C-alpha atoms as a PDB file:
ATOM      1  CA  UNK A   1      -0.047   0.055   0.095  1.00  0.00           C
ATOM      2  CA  UNK A   2       1.169   3.462  -0.847  1.00  0.00           C
ATOM      3  CA  UNK A   3       2.179   5.611   2.113  1.00  0.00           C
ATOM      4  CA  UNK A   4       1.513   9.323   1.196  1.00  0.00           C
ATOM      5  CA  UNK A   5       3.780  10.620   4.074  1.00  0.00           C
ATOM      6  CA  UNK A   6       6.664   8.522   2.677  1.00  0.00           C
ATOM      7  CA  UNK A   7       5.822   9.566  -0.838  1.00  0.00           C
ATOM      8  CA  UNK A   8       6.335  13.089   0.183  1.00  0.00           C
ATOM      9  CA  UNK A   9       9.331  12.487   2.157  1.00  0.00           C
ATOM     10  CA  UNK A  10      11.349  10.039   0.272  1.00  0.00           C
ATOM     11  CA  UNK A  11       9.582   9.528  -3.165  1.00  0.00           C
ATOM     12  CA  UNK A  12      12.412   7.512  -4.784  1.00  0.00           C
ATOM     13  CA  UNK A  13      12.188   5.039  -1.940  1.00  0.00           C
ATOM     14  CA  UNK A  14       8.502   4.775  -2.268  1.00  0.00           C
ATOM     15  CA  UNK A  15       8.696   4.233  -5.932  1.00  0.00           C
ATOM     16  CA  UNK A  16      11.339   1.343  -5.859  1.00  0.00           C
ATOM     17  CA  UNK A  17       9.103  -0.002  -2.895  1.00  0.00           C
ATOM     18  CA  UNK A  18       6.091   0.037  -5.387  1.00  0.00           C
ATOM     19  CA  UNK A  19       8.325  -1.416  -8.354  1.00  0.00           C
ATOM     20  CA  UNK A  20       9.437  -4.282  -6.361  1.00  0.00           C
ATOM     21  CA  UNK A  21       5.801  -5.247  -5.820  1.00  0.00           C
ATOM     22  CA  UNK A  22       4.953  -5.396  -9.454  1.00  0.00           C
ATOM     23  CA  UNK A  23       5.291  -8.952 -11.101  1.00  0.00           C
ATOM     24  CA  UNK A  24       4.406  -7.799 -14.658  1.00  0.00           C
ATOM     25  CA  UNK A  25       4.043  -4.788 -16.515  1.00  0.00           C
ATOM     26  CA  UNK A  26       3.530  -3.607 -20.349  1.00  0.00           C
ATOM     27  CA  UNK A  27       6.427  -2.397 -22.189  1.00  0.00           C
ATOM     28  CA  UNK A  28       6.597  -0.770 -25.495  1.00  0.00           C
ATOM     29  CA  UNK A  29       8.214   1.949 -27.516  1.00  0.00           C
ATOM     30  CA  UNK A  30       6.221   5.087 -28.048  1.00  0.00           C
ATOM     31  CA  UNK A  31       5.686   5.853 -31.613  1.00  0.00           C
ATOM     32  CA  UNK A  32       6.926   2.502 -32.975  1.00  0.00           C
ATOM     33  CA  UNK A  33       3.408   1.292 -33.682  1.00  0.00           C
ATOM     34  CA  UNK A  34       4.276  -2.103 -32.011  1.00  0.00           C
ATOM     35  CA  UNK A  35       1.948  -3.460 -29.401  1.00  0.00           C
ATOM     36  CA  UNK A  36       2.729  -3.242 -25.957  1.00  0.00           C
ATOM     37  CA  UNK A  37       4.488  -6.431 -24.537  1.00  0.00           C
ATOM     38  CA  UNK A  38       3.952  -8.089 -20.974  1.00  0.00           C
ATOM     39  CA  UNK A  39       7.313  -7.969 -19.267  1.00  0.00           C
ATOM     40  CA  UNK A  40       8.375  -8.732 -15.828  1.00  0.00           C
ATOM     41  CA  UNK A  41      10.544  -5.837 -14.371  1.00  0.00           C
ATOM     42  CA  UNK A  42      13.760  -6.751 -12.284  1.00  0.00           C
ATOM     43  CA  UNK A  43      14.455  -3.577 -10.226  1.00  0.00           C
ATOM     44  CA  UNK A  44      17.802  -2.667  -9.203  1.00  0.00           C
ATOM     45  CA  UNK A  45      17.373   0.541  -6.995  1.00  0.00           C
ATOM     46  CA  UNK A  46      21.011   0.742  -6.061  1.00  0.00           C
ATOM     47  CA  UNK A  47      21.984   1.867  -9.814  1.00  0.00           C
ATOM     48  CA  UNK A  48      18.414   3.291 -10.630  1.00  0.00           C
ATOM     49  CA  UNK A  49      17.956   0.548 -13.148  1.00  0.00           C
ATOM     50  CA  UNK A  50      15.096  -1.614 -14.171  1.00  0.00           C
ATOM     51  CA  UNK A  51      15.788  -4.602 -16.298  1.00  0.00           C
ATOM     52  CA  UNK A  52      13.595  -6.346 -18.624  1.00  0.00           C
ATOM     53  CA  UNK A  53      14.864  -9.634 -20.435  1.00  0.00           C
ATOM     54  CA  UNK A  54      13.816 -10.794 -23.859  1.00  0.00           C
ATOM     55  CA  UNK A  55      15.111 -12.819 -26.727  1.00  0.00           C
ATOM     56  CA  UNK A  56      17.285 -11.103 -29.240  1.00  0.00           C
ATOM     57  CA  UNK A  57      14.871 -11.972 -32.137  1.00  0.00           C
ATOM     58  CA  UNK A  58      11.824 -10.025 -30.726  1.00  0.00           C
ATOM     59  CA  UNK A  59      10.706  -7.046 -32.513  1.00  0.00           C
ATOM     60  CA  UNK A  60      11.134  -5.160 -29.359  1.00  0.00           C
ATOM     61  CA  UNK A  61      14.742  -6.105 -29.147  1.00  0.00           C
ATOM     62  CA  UNK A  62      15.388  -5.352 -32.851  1.00  0.00           C
ATOM     63  CA  UNK A  63      13.772  -2.077 -32.481  1.00  0.00           C
ATOM     64  CA  UNK A  64      16.281  -0.871 -29.685  1.00  0.00           C
ATOM     65  CA  UNK A  65      19.414  -2.570 -30.807  1.00  0.00           C
ATOM     66  CA  UNK A  66      21.989  -0.270 -32.199  1.00  0.00           C
ATOM     67  CA  UNK A  67      22.372  -0.110 -36.020  1.00  0.00           C
ATOM     68  CA  UNK A  68      25.324  -2.110 -37.329  1.00  0.00           C
ATOM     69  CA  UNK A  69      28.422   0.311 -38.060  1.00  0.00           C
ATOM     70  CA  UNK A  70      29.557   0.333 -41.634  1.00  0.00           C
ATOM     71  CA  UNK A  71      32.598  -1.040 -42.711  1.00  0.00           C
ATOM     72  CA  UNK A  72      34.991   1.630 -44.335  1.00  0.00           C
ATOM     73  CA  UNK A  73      37.709   0.386 -46.724  1.00  0.00           C
END
């Protein structure tokens, strides 16, 4: 349950606490035209990171992968 006092006094802690209670969420890329995908968040509050794992061959992974660098002669 959300504590309004804690949210006012330490919003970052409250946010991470709420994220740790989430077992699944919908992840997508705004403006991509792709459907949102159900994903399980893996929070890492110490680094301010939320990890989402997926296979390399999914549309989501291909969309965020860096473009290959051209080989110059």
